[in-house]
C-alpha cells in the first residue's frame, strides 16, 4: 500500500533559506555602507574644493574692485602733530606681506555693498605651521581712510615722498581667512617703471608711493601638496583704472 507524502519544507531547508537570506542582507548592508562612505568622502572633498575656489574668486574680485581713493590726510603722526585735511594721499599701501586698499567688493554684500577698506596680510598658521592669508574689512569713508595717514615721509630707496601708514594690520575675531596651510604667500605689483631706460612695466615686491598698479599677483603654495584635492593657486588680478593718481577729487 502506497503512502501519501505531505507537501512542505524540512527544517534543514528552512535553515538553508534563512542562512542564504542572512548572507544576502549582510552583503547588501556592506555595499550600502561602502557606498554611503564613498558618498560622504566625495561630498567632503567637493565642499573643500568649492571652499578653495570660492575663496580665490573672492580674493580676485576684491583686488579687481580697487577704487582710486585719495582721502585727506587726517591721522595723528607719532610726534603728536595733527593731520592736514588739505593734503590728499593715494590710499594704497603695497608691501610684500600686506596690502591696504579700497575696493568696491564686500565679503558680505559682494558688488552690491558700500566700498570697503581692505587689509590683506600674512600671519603664521595654526601651531606655527606654515602661513595663512587674512583680510580685514572696514566700511570706507573719507574720514575712516584719512585716519590711516600719519603724515608723509621720504622714502630713501625710491627717492620719493610717501604717506606714513600705521604698522602692519593684526588679526581679530572679525578677520576672514582667505587661504590656510600655505608654505608661503607673497604679494607683488605690476607698475610702471620709474627708470627711463625701462619704459615697460615691471613686477615689484613693493609699490607704496608708485601710484596705482596695473596688476596685482598673490603667489601661494600649499604646505602639504595633495593632487587629489584642489590646492590654493596664485591669483593674478588686472587693475582697470582710468585716472592719474596725482589728480585730486572729492569723495
C-alpha atoms as a PDB file:
ATOM      1  CA  UNK A   1       0.000   0.000   0.000  1.00  0.00           C
ATOM      2  CA  UNK A   2       1.447   3.421  -1.052  1.00  0.00           C
ATOM      3  CA  UNK A   3       1.532   6.272   1.488  1.00  0.00           C
ATOM      4  CA  UNK A   4       0.641   9.897   0.509  1.00  0.00           C
ATOM      5  CA  UNK A   5       3.537  12.358   1.058  1.00  0.00           C
ATOM      6  CA  UNK A   6       2.682  15.728   2.583  1.00  0.00           C
ATOM      7  CA  UNK A   7       3.828  18.987   0.848  1.00  0.00           C
ATOM      8  CA  UNK A   8       6.151  21.274   2.885  1.00  0.00           C
ATOM      9  CA  UNK A   9       9.767  22.128   3.829  1.00  0.00           C
ATOM     10  CA  UNK A  10      12.045  20.323   6.138  1.00  0.00           C
ATOM     11  CA  UNK A  11      13.886  22.044   8.967  1.00  0.00           C
ATOM     12  CA  UNK A  12      17.135  21.736   7.042  1.00  0.00           C
ATOM     13  CA  UNK A  13      15.658  23.541   4.041  1.00  0.00           C
ATOM     14  CA  UNK A  14      14.388  26.351   6.304  1.00  0.00           C
ATOM     15  CA  UNK A  15      17.841  26.763   7.866  1.00  0.00           C
ATOM     16  CA  UNK A  16      19.470  26.902   4.429  1.00  0.00           C
ATOM     17  CA  UNK A  17      16.964  29.534   3.236  1.00  0.00           C
ATOM     18  CA  UNK A  18      17.440  31.664   6.355  1.00  0.00           C
ATOM     19  CA  UNK A  19      21.211  31.419   6.021  1.00  0.00           C
ATOM     20  CA  UNK A  20      21.122  32.495   2.374  1.00  0.00           C
ATOM     21  CA  UNK A  21      18.787  35.386   3.188  1.00  0.00           C
ATOM     22  CA  UNK A  22      21.087  36.489   6.022  1.00  0.00           C
ATOM     23  CA  UNK A  23      24.098  36.445   3.734  1.00  0.00           C
ATOM     24  CA  UNK A  24      22.185  38.426   1.117  1.00  0.00           C
ATOM     25  CA  UNK A  25      21.111  41.086   3.634  1.00  0.00           C
ATOM     26  CA  UNK A  26      24.654  41.263   5.037  1.00  0.00           C
ATOM     27  CA  UNK A  27      26.097  41.740   1.558  1.00  0.00           C
ATOM     28  CA  UNK A  28      23.586  44.491   0.764  1.00  0.00           C
ATOM     29  CA  UNK A  29      24.343  46.215   4.085  1.00  0.00           C
ATOM     30  CA  UNK A  30      28.085  46.176   3.414  1.00  0.00           C
ATOM     31  CA  UNK A  31      27.571  47.506  -0.106  1.00  0.00           C
ATOM     32  CA  UNK A  32      25.279  50.260   1.205  1.00  0.00           C
ATOM     33  CA  UNK A  33      27.776  51.215   3.910  1.00  0.00           C
ATOM     34  CA  UNK A  34      30.642  51.372   1.408  1.00  0.00           C
ATOM     35  CA  UNK A  35      28.509  53.471  -0.929  1.00  0.00           C
ATOM     36  CA  UNK A  36      27.493  55.916   1.809  1.00  0.00           C
ATOM     37  CA  UNK A  37      31.095  56.195   2.994  1.00  0.00           C
ATOM     38  CA  UNK A  38      32.289  56.937  -0.546  1.00  0.00           C
ATOM     39  CA  UNK A  39      29.498  59.491  -0.972  1.00  0.00           C
ATOM     40  CA  UNK A  40      30.475  61.194   2.292  1.00  0.00           C
ATOM     41  CA  UNK A  41      34.152  61.399   1.324  1.00  0.00           C
ATOM     42  CA  UNK A  42      33.298  62.685  -2.137  1.00  0.00           C
ATOM     43  CA  UNK A  43      30.937  65.286  -0.722  1.00  0.00           C
ATOM     44  CA  UNK A  44      33.550  66.444   1.824  1.00  0.00           C
ATOM     45  CA  UNK A  45      36.205  66.718  -0.865  1.00  0.00           C
ATOM     46  CA  UNK A  46      33.794  68.563  -3.169  1.00  0.00           C
ATOM     47  CA  UNK A  47      32.924  71.050  -0.411  1.00  0.00           C
ATOM     48  CA  UNK A  48      36.635  71.609   0.274  1.00  0.00           C
ATOM     49  CA  UNK A  49      37.240  72.255  -3.431  1.00  0.00           C
ATOM     50  CA  UNK A  50      34.299  74.666  -3.562  1.00  0.00           C
ATOM     51  CA  UNK A  51      35.617  76.461  -0.487  1.00  0.00           C
ATOM     52  CA  UNK A  52      39.047  76.924  -2.074  1.00  0.00           C
ATOM     53  CA  UNK A  53      37.567  78.037  -5.402  1.00  0.00           C
ATOM     54  CA  UNK A  54      35.162  80.415  -3.655  1.00  0.00           C
ATOM     55  CA  UNK A  55      37.926  81.999  -1.581  1.00  0.00           C
ATOM     56  CA  UNK A  56      40.036  82.549  -4.685  1.00  0.00           C
ATOM     57  CA  UNK A  57      37.093  84.132  -6.541  1.00  0.00           C
ATOM     58  CA  UNK A  58      36.533  86.438  -3.565  1.00  0.00           C
ATOM     59  CA  UNK A  59      40.214  87.372  -3.472  1.00  0.00           C
ATOM     60  CA  UNK A  60      40.332  88.148  -7.188  1.00  0.00           C
ATOM     61  CA  UNK A  61      37.088  90.161  -7.029  1.00  0.00           C
ATOM     62  CA  UNK A  62      38.418  92.211  -4.113  1.00  0.00           C
ATOM     63  CA  UNK A  63      41.611  93.035  -5.980  1.00  0.00           C
ATOM     64  CA  UNK A  64      39.855  93.841  -9.257  1.00  0.00           C
ATOM     65  CA  UNK A  65      37.422  96.120  -7.418  1.00  0.00           C
ATOM     66  CA  UNK A  66      40.181  98.565  -6.429  1.00  0.00           C
ATOM     67  CA  UNK A  67      38.980 102.161  -6.090  1.00  0.00           C
ATOM     68  CA  UNK A  68      41.407 105.058  -6.749  1.00  0.00           C
ATOM     69  CA  UNK A  69      40.661 106.729  -3.421  1.00  0.00           C
ATOM     70  CA  UNK A  70      42.567 109.860  -2.407  1.00  0.00           C
ATOM     71  CA  UNK A  71      41.207 110.873   1.026  1.00  0.00           C
ATOM     72  CA  UNK A  72      42.547 113.763   3.107  1.00  0.00           C
ATOM     73  CA  UNK A  73      45.423 113.019   5.492  1.00  0.00           C
ATOM     74  CA  UNK A  74      43.746 113.169   8.936  1.00  0.00           C
ATOM     75  CA  UNK A  75      45.727 110.742  11.141  1.00  0.00           C
ATOM     76  CA  UNK A  76      47.957 111.693  14.044  1.00  0.00           C
ATOM     77  CA  UNK A  77      51.666 111.244  13.469  1.00  0.00           C
ATOM     78  CA  UNK A  78      53.889 109.622  16.141  1.00  0.00           C
ATOM     79  CA  UNK A  79      55.188 113.052  17.203  1.00  0.00           C
ATOM     80  CA  UNK A  80      51.714 114.142  18.262  1.00  0.00           C
ATOM     81  CA  UNK A  81      51.070 116.531  15.393  1.00  0.00           C
ATOM     82  CA  UNK A  82      47.706 116.617  13.690  1.00  0.00           C
ATOM     83  CA  UNK A  83      46.928 115.634  10.148  1.00  0.00           C
ATOM     84  CA  UNK A  84      46.335 118.024   7.283  1.00  0.00           C
ATOM     85  CA  UNK A  85      42.894 117.855   5.719  1.00  0.00           C
ATOM     86  CA  UNK A  86      44.102 119.884   2.743  1.00  0.00           C
ATOM     87  CA  UNK A  87      46.648 117.226   1.773  1.00  0.00           C
ATOM     88  CA  UNK A  88      45.250 114.240  -0.097  1.00  0.00           C
ATOM     89  CA  UNK A  89      47.174 110.996  -0.433  1.00  0.00           C
ATOM     90  CA  UNK A  90      46.970 107.858  -2.543  1.00  0.00           C
ATOM     91  CA  UNK A  91      45.309 105.228  -0.356  1.00  0.00           C
ATOM     92  CA  UNK A  92      47.431 102.254  -1.339  1.00  0.00           C
ATOM     93  CA  UNK A  93      49.996 100.580   0.879  1.00  0.00           C
ATOM     94  CA  UNK A  94      51.562  97.903  -1.294  1.00  0.00           C
ATOM     95  CA  UNK A  95      54.049  95.724   0.602  1.00  0.00           C
ATOM     96  CA  UNK A  96      55.304  92.142   0.108  1.00  0.00           C
ATOM     97  CA  UNK A  97      53.397  90.727   3.119  1.00  0.00           C
ATOM     98  CA  UNK A  98      50.409  93.062   3.391  1.00  0.00           C
ATOM     99  CA  UNK A  99      48.265  95.306   1.245  1.00  0.00           C
ATOM    100  CA  UNK A 100      45.907  98.156   2.179  1.00  0.00           C
ATOM    101  CA  UNK A 101      43.479  99.384  -0.468  1.00  0.00           C
ATOM    102  CA  UNK A 102      39.875 100.426  -1.112  1.00  0.00           C
ATOM    103  CA  UNK A 103      37.599  98.075  -3.053  1.00  0.00           C
ATOM    104  CA  UNK A 104      34.003  98.058  -4.212  1.00  0.00           C
ATOM    105  CA  UNK A 105      33.729  94.333  -3.413  1.00  0.00           C
ATOM    106  CA  UNK A 106      32.491  93.298   0.038  1.00  0.00           C
ATOM    107  CA  UNK A 107      32.606  89.867   1.651  1.00  0.00           C
ATOM    108  CA  UNK A 108      29.073  90.270   2.995  1.00  0.00           C
ATOM    109  CA  UNK A 109      27.382  92.098   0.121  1.00  0.00           C
ATOM    110  CA  UNK A 110      29.648  91.287  -2.844  1.00  0.00           C
ATOM    111  CA  UNK A 111      29.382  94.010  -5.507  1.00  0.00           C
ATOM    112  CA  UNK A 112      26.165  95.449  -4.004  1.00  0.00           C
ATOM    113  CA  UNK A 113      27.648  96.886  -0.816  1.00  0.00           C
ATOM    114  CA  UNK A 114      29.461 100.101   0.022  1.00  0.00           C
ATOM    115  CA  UNK A 115      33.207 100.368  -0.682  1.00  0.00           C
ATOM    116  CA  UNK A 116      35.452  98.739   1.881  1.00  0.00           C
ATOM    117  CA  UNK A 117      38.923  99.440   3.230  1.00  0.00           C
ATOM    118  CA  UNK A 118      40.661  96.087   2.798  1.00  0.00           C
ATOM    119  CA  UNK A 119      43.767  94.968   4.659  1.00  0.00           C
ATOM    120  CA  UNK A 120      45.363  91.799   3.280  1.00  0.00           C
ATOM    121  CA  UNK A 121      48.179  90.378   5.387  1.00  0.00           C
ATOM    122  CA  UNK A 122      50.081  87.155   6.027  1.00  0.00           C
ATOM    123  CA  UNK A 123      50.228  85.631   9.509  1.00  0.00           C
ATOM    124  CA  UNK A 124      51.633  82.350  10.910  1.00  0.00           C
ATOM    125  CA  UNK A 125      49.384  79.318  10.593  1.00  0.00           C
ATOM    126  CA  UNK A 126      47.934  77.158  13.353  1.00  0.00           C
ATOM    127  CA  UNK A 127      50.558  75.750  15.726  1.00  0.00           C
ATOM    128  CA  UNK A 128      53.187  77.749  13.836  1.00  0.00           C
ATOM    129  CA  UNK A 129      52.906  75.503  10.765  1.00  0.00           C
ATOM    130  CA  UNK A 130      53.019  77.423   7.511  1.00  0.00           C
ATOM    131  CA  UNK A 131      51.228  80.724   6.958  1.00  0.00           C
ATOM    132  CA  UNK A 132      47.732  81.944   6.155  1.00  0.00           C
ATOM    133  CA  UNK A 133      46.351  84.873   4.150  1.00  0.00           C
ATOM    134  CA  UNK A 134      43.848  87.002   6.080  1.00  0.00           C
ATOM    135  CA  UNK A 135      41.763  90.068   5.211  1.00  0.00           C
ATOM    136  CA  UNK A 136      40.151  92.757   7.384  1.00  0.00           C
ATOM    137  CA  UNK A 137      37.225  94.826   6.142  1.00  0.00           C
ATOM    138  CA  UNK A 138      36.236  98.316   7.271  1.00  0.00           C
ATOM    139  CA  UNK A 139      33.457 100.373   5.619  1.00  0.00           C
ATOM    140  CA  UNK A 140      35.021 103.164   3.600  1.00  0.00           C
ATOM    141  CA  UNK A 141      34.542 106.848   4.234  1.00  0.00           C
ATOM    142  CA  UNK A 142      36.948 109.756   3.646  1.00  0.00           C
ATOM    143  CA  UNK A 143      37.294 110.181   7.424  1.00  0.00           C
ATOM    144  CA  UNK A 144      37.973 106.485   8.079  1.00  0.00           C
ATOM    145  CA  UNK A 145      40.505 106.279   5.248  1.00  0.00           C
ATOM    146  CA  UNK A 146      42.098 109.603   6.180  1.00  0.00           C
ATOM    147  CA  UNK A 147      42.934 108.342   9.662  1.00  0.00           C
ATOM    148  CA  UNK A 148      45.307 105.805   8.082  1.00  0.00           C
ATOM    149  CA  UNK A 149      47.610 108.657   7.036  1.00  0.00           C
ATOM    150  CA  UNK A 150      50.093 109.621   9.776  1.00  0.00           C
ATOM    151  CA  UNK A 151      51.769 112.328   7.734  1.00  0.00           C
ATOM    152  CA  UNK A 152      54.352 111.910   4.983  1.00  0.00           C
ATOM    153  CA  UNK A 153      57.955 110.778   4.879  1.00  0.00           C
ATOM    154  CA  UNK A 154      60.802 110.495   2.412  1.00  0.00           C
ATOM    155  CA  UNK A 155      61.468 107.025   1.057  1.00  0.00           C
ATOM    156  CA  UNK A 156      65.239 106.688   0.807  1.00  0.00           C
ATOM    157  CA  UNK A 157      65.078 103.680  -1.515  1.00  0.00           C
ATOM    158  CA  UNK A 158      62.724 105.169  -4.095  1.00  0.00           C
ATOM    159  CA  UNK A 159      63.648 108.793  -3.515  1.00  0.00           C
ATOM    160  CA  UNK A 160      60.005 109.908  -3.311  1.00  0.00           C
ATOM    161  CA  UNK A 161      57.628 111.236  -0.663  1.00  0.00           C
ATOM    162  CA  UNK A 162      55.111 108.645   0.510  1.00  0.00           C
ATOM    163  CA  UNK A 163      52.331 108.596   3.136  1.00  0.00           C
ATOM    164  CA  UNK A 164      53.213 107.286   6.589  1.00  0.00           C
ATOM    165  CA  UNK A 165      50.799 104.395   7.207  1.00  0.00           C
ATOM    166  CA  UNK A 166      50.182 102.548  10.502  1.00  0.00           C
ATOM    167  CA  UNK A 167      52.114  99.341  11.239  1.00  0.00           C
ATOM    168  CA  UNK A 168      51.104  96.061   9.643  1.00  0.00           C
ATOM    169  CA  UNK A 169      47.487  95.053  10.424  1.00  0.00           C
ATOM    170  CA  UNK A 170      46.672  92.390  13.011  1.00  0.00           C
ATOM    171  CA  UNK A 171      44.160  89.557  13.028  1.00  0.00           C
ATOM    172  CA  UNK A 172      40.937  89.904  15.030  1.00  0.00           C
ATOM    173  CA  UNK A 173      37.801  87.780  15.552  1.00  0.00           C
ATOM    174  CA  UNK A 174      36.242  89.520  12.540  1.00  0.00           C
ATOM    175  CA  UNK A 175      39.170  88.689  10.234  1.00  0.00           C
ATOM    176  CA  UNK A 176      38.427  86.357   7.323  1.00  0.00           C
ATOM    177  CA  UNK A 177      40.906  83.633   6.350  1.00  0.00           C
ATOM    178  CA  UNK A 178      41.219  83.522   2.550  1.00  0.00           C
ATOM    179  CA  UNK A 179      43.855  80.766   2.388  1.00  0.00           C
ATOM    180  CA  UNK A 180      45.327  78.489   5.046  1.00  0.00           C
ATOM    181  CA  UNK A 181      48.050  75.845   5.330  1.00  0.00           C
ATOM    182  CA  UNK A 182      50.350  77.672   2.927  1.00  0.00           C
ATOM    183  CA  UNK A 183      54.068  77.098   2.511  1.00  0.00           C
ATOM    184  CA  UNK A 184      54.444  80.759   1.504  1.00  0.00           C
ATOM    185  CA  UNK A 185      52.391  83.763   0.399  1.00  0.00           C
ATOM    186  CA  UNK A 186      53.901  86.756  -1.377  1.00  0.00           C
ATOM    187  CA  UNK A 187      52.324  89.827  -2.973  1.00  0.00           C
ATOM    188  CA  UNK A 188      53.838  91.591  -5.990  1.00  0.00           C
ATOM    189  CA  UNK A 189      52.746  94.558  -8.078  1.00  0.00           C
ATOM    190  CA  UNK A 190      52.938  95.314 -11.804  1.00  0.00           C
ATOM    191  CA  UNK A 191      53.772  99.023 -12.026  1.00  0.00           C
ATOM    192  CA  UNK A 192      55.249 101.468 -14.485  1.00  0.00           C
ATOM    193  CA  UNK A 193      58.978 101.691 -14.049  1.00  0.00           C
ATOM    194  CA  UNK A 194      60.493 104.961 -12.811  1.00  0.00           C
ATOM    195  CA  UNK A 195      63.653 104.178 -14.781  1.00  0.00           C
ATOM    196  CA  UNK A 196      63.534 105.973 -18.167  1.00  0.00           C
ATOM    197  CA  UNK A 197      65.703 103.203 -19.592  1.00  0.00           C
ATOM    198  CA  UNK A 198      62.939 100.675 -18.805  1.00  0.00           C
ATOM    199  CA  UNK A 199      59.715 102.023 -20.346  1.00  0.00           C
ATOM    200  CA  UNK A 200      57.819  98.758 -19.879  1.00  0.00           C
ATOM    201  CA  UNK A 201      56.079  97.933 -16.559  1.00  0.00           C
ATOM    202  CA  UNK A 202      57.877  95.669 -14.107  1.00  0.00           C
ATOM    203  CA  UNK A 203      56.886  93.386 -11.221  1.00  0.00           C
ATOM    204  CA  UNK A 204      57.973  94.769  -7.852  1.00  0.00           C
ATOM    205  CA  UNK A 205      57.594  93.339  -4.329  1.00  0.00           C
ATOM    206  CA  UNK A 206      56.810  96.826  -3.006  1.00  0.00           C
ATOM    207  CA  UNK A 207      54.895  99.641  -4.707  1.00  0.00           C
ATOM    208  CA  UNK A 208      53.870 102.085  -1.958  1.00  0.00           C
ATOM    209  CA  UNK A 209      54.073 105.598  -3.401  1.00  0.00           C
ATOM    210  CA  UNK A 210      54.354 104.439  -7.013  1.00  0.00           C
ATOM    211  CA  UNK A 211      50.723 105.109  -7.922  1.00  0.00           C
ATOM    212  CA  UNK A 212      48.102 102.596  -8.941  1.00  0.00           C
ATOM    213  CA  UNK A 213      49.422  99.220 -10.140  1.00  0.00           C
ATOM    214  CA  UNK A 214      48.402  97.709 -13.459  1.00  0.00           C
ATOM    215  CA  UNK A 215      48.035  94.282 -11.855  1.00  0.00           C
ATOM    216  CA  UNK A 216      48.458  92.533  -8.515  1.00  0.00           C
ATOM    217  CA  UNK A 217      49.685  88.970  -8.093  1.00  0.00           C
ATOM    218  CA  UNK A 218      49.495  86.884  -4.932  1.00  0.00           C
ATOM    219  CA  UNK A 219      51.729  83.815  -5.131  1.00  0.00           C
ATOM    220  CA  UNK A 220      50.783  80.905  -2.869  1.00  0.00           C
ATOM    221  CA  UNK A 221      51.748  77.271  -2.473  1.00  0.00           C
ATOM    222  CA  UNK A 222      50.188  74.578  -0.240  1.00  0.00           C
ATOM    223  CA  UNK A 223      52.102  73.408   2.802  1.00  0.00           C
ATOM    224  CA  UNK A 224      51.284  69.768   2.016  1.00  0.00           C
ATOM    225  CA  UNK A 225      50.537  69.281  -1.708  1.00  0.00           C
ATOM    226  CA  UNK A 226      47.701  66.847  -2.396  1.00  0.00           C
ATOM    227  CA  UNK A 227      46.871  66.119  -6.029  1.00  0.00           C
ATOM    228  CA  UNK A 228      43.514  64.591  -5.078  1.00  0.00           C
ATOM    229  CA  UNK A 229      42.103  67.943  -3.923  1.00  0.00           C
ATOM    230  CA  UNK A 230      42.054  71.489  -5.256  1.00  0.00           C
ATOM    231  CA  UNK A 231      45.055  73.414  -3.970  1.00  0.00           C
ATOM    232  CA  UNK A 232      45.412  77.169  -3.357  1.00  0.00           C
ATOM    233  CA  UNK A 233      46.751  78.730  -6.533  1.00  0.00           C
ATOM    234  CA  UNK A 234      48.395  82.024  -7.328  1.00  0.00           C
ATOM    235  CA  UNK A 235      45.900  84.796  -8.081  1.00  0.00           C
ATOM    236  CA  UNK A 236      46.512  87.414 -10.768  1.00  0.00           C
ATOM    237  CA  UNK A 237      44.145  90.381 -10.908  1.00  0.00           C
ATOM    238  CA  UNK A 238      44.314  93.035 -13.602  1.00  0.00           C
ATOM    239  CA  UNK A 239      43.524  96.515 -12.314  1.00  0.00           C
ATOM    240  CA  UNK A 240      41.423  98.758 -14.573  1.00  0.00           C
ATOM    241  CA  UNK A 241      41.812 102.394 -13.515  1.00  0.00           C
ATOM    242  CA  UNK A 242      41.477 105.339 -15.872  1.00  0.00           C
ATOM    243  CA  UNK A 243      42.769 108.308 -13.913  1.00  0.00           C
ATOM    244  CA  UNK A 244      46.145 109.579 -12.763  1.00  0.00           C
ATOM    245  CA  UNK A 245      46.952 109.215  -9.049  1.00  0.00           C
ATOM    246  CA  UNK A 246      48.121 112.838  -8.794  1.00  0.00           C
ATOM    247  CA  UNK A 247      44.727 114.312  -9.739  1.00  0.00           C
ATOM    248  CA  UNK A 248      42.756 115.009  -6.536  1.00  0.00           C
ATOM    249  CA  UNK A 249      38.991 114.675  -6.418  1.00  0.00           C
ATOM    250  CA  UNK A 250      36.256 114.997  -3.833  1.00  0.00           C
ATOM    251  CA  UNK A 251      34.799 111.733  -2.469  1.00  0.00           C
END
